[in-house]
Amino acid sequence: MIDRSGLAQFLRHRREALQPEDVGLPRGRRRRTSGLRREEVAALCHMSTDYYARLERERGPQPSQQMIVSIAQGLHLSLDERDHLFRLAGHTPPPRGTDGEHISPGLLRILDRLDDTPAEIVTELGETLRQTRLGIALTGDQTRYSGPARSIGYRWFTDPATRQLYHPDDHAFLTRMFASGLREVATLRGPGSRAAHYADLLLAQSEEFRRVWKEHTVGIRPKEVKHFVHPEVGALELTCQTLLDPSQAHMLLVYTATPGGESYEKLQLLSVIGAQTLR
């Protein structure tokens, strides 16, 4: 059963405890609100301001589990805080573990400060959970996919358009790398895991995947330097740095270019193109 009073108080407390800079927002000169405004939280949670405001006022329908997931992520809650929020809303918290998609507040805080850099948070299966503005400009909105297609490794063997973003010279390596990575995760997580399910699907759908899967190759790691082929700015050579959150098996990938180089200039151009697209 929903605890409307407890839910409202908890949401207000967490909103007022967050500052704009904590979530990558500008503070502005005329801010009088303690913490974030309701409309700012609503935008972070991908819901209307009216809907969120009703929750803080102990009104409205019981929020769905998906709504609670969005609120927990938008308010940068820890796993304990997320579970508490689920119970206040009258729901059973989702199980924890490496399959979870709740991003830790620390990882989100880092991502929020990378507005001028291509970056993304991905799962161990290559499912993009969150991207920066420039990350979307570089690779497109990778969070728009559903089902197995959320995994770039799955799309690599089932959607030819996925390969267009990467230089042809790297295709053979990436084919072996994605198969190797999926085999390692499937073995680590076991027969009933999503990784094992994705492998079964690919074995049934892709002759290329069946061929490389038979090699039983493991241990192929991503190269530090990535070669992208962007449809508007052309070839980009970017260095990828990875920060791992082992408790959630999430990785923060940050892409940078050598200052003064051609790829650096193209990233600056891409930043402008991306801003115009968002507007």
Protein backbone atom coordinates (compact mmCIF):
# COMPACT_ATOMS: atom_id res chain seq x y z
CA MET A 1 0.00 0.00 0.00
CA ILE A 2 1.28 3.45 -0.91
CA ASP A 3 2.43 5.70 1.93
CA ARG A 4 1.46 9.05 0.41
CA SER A 5 2.70 11.17 3.29
CA GLY A 6 6.02 9.35 3.58
CA LEU A 7 6.48 9.42 -0.21
CA ALA A 8 5.79 13.16 -0.41
CA GLN A 9 8.15 13.99 2.44
CA PHE A 10 10.93 11.81 1.06
CA LEU A 11 10.65 13.36 -2.41
CA ARG A 12 10.69 16.91 -1.03
CA HIS A 13 13.68 16.15 1.16
CA ARG A 14 15.71 14.61 -1.67
CA ARG A 15 14.77 17.42 -4.10
CA GLU A 16 15.78 20.14 -1.63
CA ALA A 17 19.05 18.36 -0.86
CA LEU A 18 20.15 18.41 -4.52
CA GLN A 19 21.84 21.47 -6.00
CA PRO A 20 21.74 22.33 -9.74
CA GLU A 21 25.45 21.63 -10.14
CA ASP A 22 24.90 18.16 -8.64
CA VAL A 23 22.86 17.16 -11.70
CA GLY A 24 24.64 19.17 -14.40
CA LEU A 25 22.27 22.17 -14.41
CA PRO A 26 23.26 25.86 -14.35
CA ARG A 27 22.49 27.64 -11.07
CA GLY A 28 21.51 31.01 -12.55
CA ARG A 29 21.54 34.35 -10.75
CA ARG A 30 17.99 34.58 -9.42
CA ARG A 31 17.58 31.19 -7.79
CA ARG A 32 15.68 31.41 -4.53
CA THR A 33 14.61 27.77 -4.24
CA SER A 34 16.38 25.58 -1.69
CA GLY A 35 17.69 22.78 -3.85
CA LEU A 36 16.10 21.94 -7.20
CA ARG A 37 12.82 23.27 -8.52
CA ARG A 38 9.97 20.83 -9.12
CA GLU A 39 10.09 21.48 -12.85
CA GLU A 40 13.81 20.64 -12.90
CA VAL A 41 13.25 17.34 -11.12
CA ALA A 42 10.34 16.53 -13.41
CA ALA A 43 12.57 17.07 -16.46
CA LEU A 44 15.29 14.88 -14.97
CA CYS A 45 12.68 12.17 -14.32
CA HIS A 46 11.11 12.48 -17.80
CA MET A 47 7.63 13.33 -16.52
CA SER A 48 5.35 16.36 -16.39
CA THR A 49 5.80 18.96 -13.66
CA ASP A 50 2.14 18.57 -12.72
CA TYR A 51 2.51 14.81 -12.19
CA TYR A 52 5.59 15.20 -10.01
CA ALA A 53 4.06 18.09 -8.03
CA ARG A 54 1.00 15.98 -7.21
CA LEU A 55 3.24 13.31 -5.69
CA GLU A 56 4.83 15.90 -3.39
CA ARG A 57 1.34 17.11 -2.45
CA GLU A 58 0.10 13.58 -1.59
CA ARG A 59 -2.23 13.51 -4.56
CA GLY A 60 -2.63 11.67 -7.83
CA PRO A 61 -2.60 7.96 -8.74
CA GLN A 62 -0.13 5.45 -7.38
CA PRO A 63 3.04 5.81 -9.48
CA SER A 64 3.97 2.78 -11.56
CA GLN A 65 7.19 0.89 -11.01
CA GLN A 66 8.60 2.46 -14.19
CA MET A 67 7.81 5.91 -12.83
CA ILE A 68 9.60 5.05 -9.58
CA VAL A 69 12.63 3.88 -11.56
CA SER A 70 12.70 7.23 -13.39
CA ILE A 71 12.31 9.22 -10.17
CA ALA A 72 15.04 7.25 -8.40
CA GLN A 73 17.45 7.89 -11.25
CA GLY A 74 16.45 11.52 -11.70
CA LEU A 75 17.01 12.25 -8.00
CA HIS A 76 20.37 10.43 -8.07
CA LEU A 77 19.30 8.01 -5.33
CA SER A 78 21.55 5.29 -3.94
CA LEU A 79 20.34 1.68 -4.11
CA ASP A 80 19.16 1.82 -0.49
CA GLU A 81 17.28 5.05 -1.19
CA ARG A 82 15.81 3.58 -4.36
CA ASP A 83 14.51 0.54 -2.48
CA HIS A 84 13.03 2.81 0.20
CA LEU A 85 11.27 4.84 -2.51
CA PHE A 86 9.79 1.66 -4.02
CA ARG A 87 8.36 0.63 -0.65
CA LEU A 88 6.90 4.07 0.03
CA ALA A 89 5.15 3.87 -3.35
CA GLY A 90 3.70 0.45 -2.48
CA HIS A 91 5.97 -1.63 -4.71
CA THR A 92 8.51 -4.38 -4.11
CA PRO A 93 12.04 -3.16 -4.92
CA PRO A 94 13.64 -4.82 -7.95
CA PRO A 95 16.40 -7.34 -7.23
CA ARG A 96 19.93 -6.04 -6.98
CA GLY A 97 22.87 -7.41 -8.87
CA THR A 98 24.86 -7.09 -12.05
CA ASP A 99 21.69 -7.22 -14.18
CA GLY A 100 20.38 -4.05 -12.53
CA GLU A 101 20.17 -0.80 -14.48
CA HIS A 102 20.11 1.66 -11.60
CA ILE A 103 23.14 3.91 -12.10
CA SER A 104 25.06 4.82 -8.95
CA PRO A 105 24.89 8.50 -7.89
CA GLY A 106 28.68 8.80 -8.11
CA LEU A 107 28.78 7.67 -11.72
CA LEU A 108 25.90 10.00 -12.59
CA ARG A 109 27.64 12.96 -10.94
CA ILE A 110 30.70 12.38 -13.11
CA LEU A 111 28.59 12.05 -16.27
CA ASP A 112 26.68 15.24 -15.44
CA ARG A 113 29.98 17.16 -15.42
CA LEU A 114 30.97 15.99 -18.90
CA ASP A 115 28.61 18.16 -20.92
CA ASP A 116 31.32 19.16 -23.40
CA THR A 117 32.60 15.59 -23.89
CA PRO A 118 31.17 12.50 -25.62
CA ALA A 119 30.46 10.00 -22.84
CA GLU A 120 28.04 7.20 -22.02
CA ILE A 121 27.22 4.73 -19.27
CA VAL A 122 26.83 1.15 -20.49
CA THR A 123 26.13 -2.28 -19.01
CA GLU A 124 28.42 -5.27 -19.36
CA LEU A 125 26.32 -6.27 -22.39
CA GLY A 126 26.92 -2.96 -24.13
CA GLU A 127 23.47 -1.54 -23.38
CA THR A 128 23.63 2.25 -23.19
CA LEU A 129 21.84 3.60 -20.13
CA ARG A 130 22.74 7.29 -20.33
CA GLN A 131 24.63 9.61 -22.71
CA THR A 132 25.92 13.15 -22.64
CA ARG A 133 24.68 15.68 -25.17
CA LEU A 134 27.87 15.33 -27.24
CA GLY A 135 27.72 11.56 -26.87
CA ILE A 136 24.35 11.60 -28.64
CA ALA A 137 25.79 13.90 -31.32
CA LEU A 138 28.64 11.41 -31.89
CA THR A 139 26.81 8.07 -31.99
CA GLY A 140 23.10 8.96 -32.04
CA ASP A 141 20.64 8.17 -29.27
CA GLN A 142 21.76 4.71 -28.21
CA THR A 143 19.11 4.51 -25.48
CA ARG A 144 16.24 4.34 -27.97
CA TYR A 145 16.49 0.60 -28.55
CA SER A 146 14.46 -2.07 -26.78
CA GLY A 147 14.84 -5.80 -26.17
CA PRO A 148 18.05 -7.54 -27.29
CA ALA A 149 18.73 -4.68 -29.73
CA ARG A 150 19.72 -2.54 -26.75
CA SER A 151 23.05 -4.40 -26.82
CA ILE A 152 25.51 -3.06 -29.37
CA GLY A 153 27.04 -6.53 -29.60
CA TYR A 154 23.67 -7.95 -30.63
CA ARG A 155 23.06 -5.14 -33.13
CA TRP A 156 26.52 -5.64 -34.60
CA PHE A 157 25.42 -9.02 -36.00
CA THR A 158 21.77 -8.20 -36.76
CA ASP A 159 21.65 -4.56 -37.92
CA PRO A 160 24.07 -3.57 -40.74
CA ALA A 161 23.55 0.14 -39.94
CA THR A 162 25.43 -0.36 -36.66
CA ARG A 163 28.70 -0.88 -38.52
CA GLN A 164 28.48 2.35 -40.49
CA LEU A 165 29.66 4.34 -37.47
CA TYR A 166 32.98 2.46 -37.31
CA HIS A 167 35.89 2.47 -39.74
CA PRO A 168 35.84 -0.59 -42.04
CA ASP A 169 39.42 -1.47 -41.06
CA ASP A 170 38.15 -2.19 -37.52
CA HIS A 171 35.16 -4.35 -38.46
CA ALA A 172 36.94 -7.72 -38.32
CA PHE A 173 38.41 -6.93 -34.90
CA LEU A 174 35.09 -5.69 -33.54
CA THR A 175 33.32 -8.82 -34.79
CA ARG A 176 35.68 -11.03 -32.80
CA MET A 177 35.65 -8.66 -29.80
CA PHE A 178 31.84 -8.62 -29.46
CA ALA A 179 31.63 -12.41 -29.74
CA SER A 180 34.46 -12.85 -27.23
CA GLY A 181 32.88 -10.44 -24.76
CA LEU A 182 29.47 -12.09 -24.98
CA ARG A 183 31.01 -15.52 -24.40
CA GLU A 184 32.80 -14.28 -21.27
CA VAL A 185 29.69 -12.65 -19.80
CA ALA A 186 27.48 -15.64 -20.65
CA THR A 187 29.93 -17.98 -18.90
CA LEU A 188 30.23 -15.64 -15.91
CA ARG A 189 26.47 -15.14 -15.44
CA GLY A 190 25.36 -18.67 -16.29
CA PRO A 191 22.88 -20.47 -18.59
CA GLY A 192 19.81 -18.50 -17.46
CA SER A 193 21.34 -15.07 -17.97
CA ARG A 194 20.45 -12.45 -20.56
CA ALA A 195 23.92 -12.91 -22.04
CA ALA A 196 23.26 -16.60 -22.64
CA HIS A 197 19.87 -15.72 -24.15
CA TYR A 198 21.46 -13.20 -26.52
CA ALA A 199 24.03 -15.79 -27.58
CA ASP A 200 21.26 -18.29 -28.37
CA LEU A 201 19.40 -15.69 -30.42
CA LEU A 202 22.51 -14.79 -32.40
CA LEU A 203 23.39 -18.42 -33.03
CA ALA A 204 19.97 -18.82 -34.62
CA GLN A 205 20.07 -15.58 -36.62
CA SER A 206 23.63 -14.90 -37.77
CA GLU A 207 25.93 -17.12 -39.79
CA GLU A 208 28.83 -14.74 -39.09
CA PHE A 209 28.23 -14.99 -35.36
CA ARG A 210 28.10 -18.80 -35.54
CA ARG A 211 31.45 -18.80 -37.32
CA VAL A 212 33.28 -16.64 -34.76
CA TRP A 213 31.47 -18.28 -31.82
CA LYS A 214 32.98 -21.64 -32.82
CA GLU A 215 36.45 -20.21 -32.26
CA HIS A 216 35.80 -20.06 -28.47
CA THR A 217 37.90 -16.90 -28.29
CA VAL A 218 37.99 -14.96 -25.01
CA GLY A 219 40.05 -12.09 -23.67
CA ILE A 220 39.76 -9.70 -26.60
CA ARG A 221 39.61 -6.24 -25.04
CA PRO A 222 38.49 -2.98 -26.67
CA LYS A 223 41.25 -0.84 -28.13
CA GLU A 224 41.94 2.44 -26.41
CA VAL A 225 41.79 4.36 -29.70
CA LYS A 226 38.44 4.25 -31.54
CA HIS A 227 37.95 5.13 -35.20
CA PHE A 228 34.49 6.54 -35.90
CA VAL A 229 32.99 7.57 -39.23
CA HIS A 230 30.43 10.27 -38.54
CA PRO A 231 27.88 11.04 -41.29
CA GLU A 232 28.42 14.83 -40.97
CA VAL A 233 32.01 15.44 -39.84
CA GLY A 234 33.69 12.34 -41.27
CA ALA A 235 36.50 10.29 -39.71
CA LEU A 236 37.27 10.73 -36.01
CA GLU A 237 40.11 9.20 -34.01
CA LEU A 238 39.16 9.29 -30.32
CA THR A 239 40.72 7.90 -27.16
CA CYS A 240 38.33 6.02 -24.90
CA GLN A 241 38.86 5.98 -21.13
CA THR A 242 36.78 3.62 -18.98
CA LEU A 243 35.63 3.93 -15.38
CA LEU A 244 34.10 0.77 -13.92
CA ASP A 245 31.45 0.51 -11.21
CA PRO A 246 32.01 -3.13 -10.16
CA SER A 247 28.96 -3.31 -7.87
CA GLN A 248 26.63 -2.69 -10.81
CA ALA A 249 28.86 -3.90 -13.67
CA HIS A 250 28.38 -0.50 -15.32
CA MET A 251 31.07 1.35 -17.26
CA LEU A 252 31.46 5.04 -17.93
CA LEU A 253 33.08 5.51 -21.35
CA VAL A 254 34.63 8.92 -22.07
CA TYR A 255 35.83 9.82 -25.57
CA THR A 256 38.46 12.53 -26.09
CA ALA A 257 40.61 13.82 -28.93
CA THR A 258 44.17 15.12 -28.89
CA PRO A 259 44.00 18.94 -28.55
CA GLY A 260 44.91 20.74 -31.73
CA GLY A 261 44.38 17.72 -33.94
CA GLU A 262 41.87 17.25 -36.75
CA SER A 263 39.60 15.05 -34.64
CA TYR A 264 39.62 17.68 -31.89
CA GLU A 265 38.41 20.32 -34.34
CA LYS A 266 35.72 17.96 -35.60
CA LEU A 267 34.50 17.38 -32.05
CA GLN A 268 34.12 21.14 -31.62
CA LEU A 269 32.09 21.24 -34.82
CA LEU A 270 30.04 18.27 -33.67
CA SER A 271 29.26 20.09 -30.44
CA VAL A 272 27.72 22.94 -32.46
CA ILE A 273 25.82 20.56 -34.74
CA GLY A 274 24.52 18.63 -31.73
CA ALA A 275 23.29 21.78 -30.00
CA GLN A 276 21.47 22.89 -33.14
CA THR A 277 19.85 19.46 -33.50
CA LEU A 278 18.61 19.51 -29.89
CA ARG A 279 17.10 22.97 -30.37
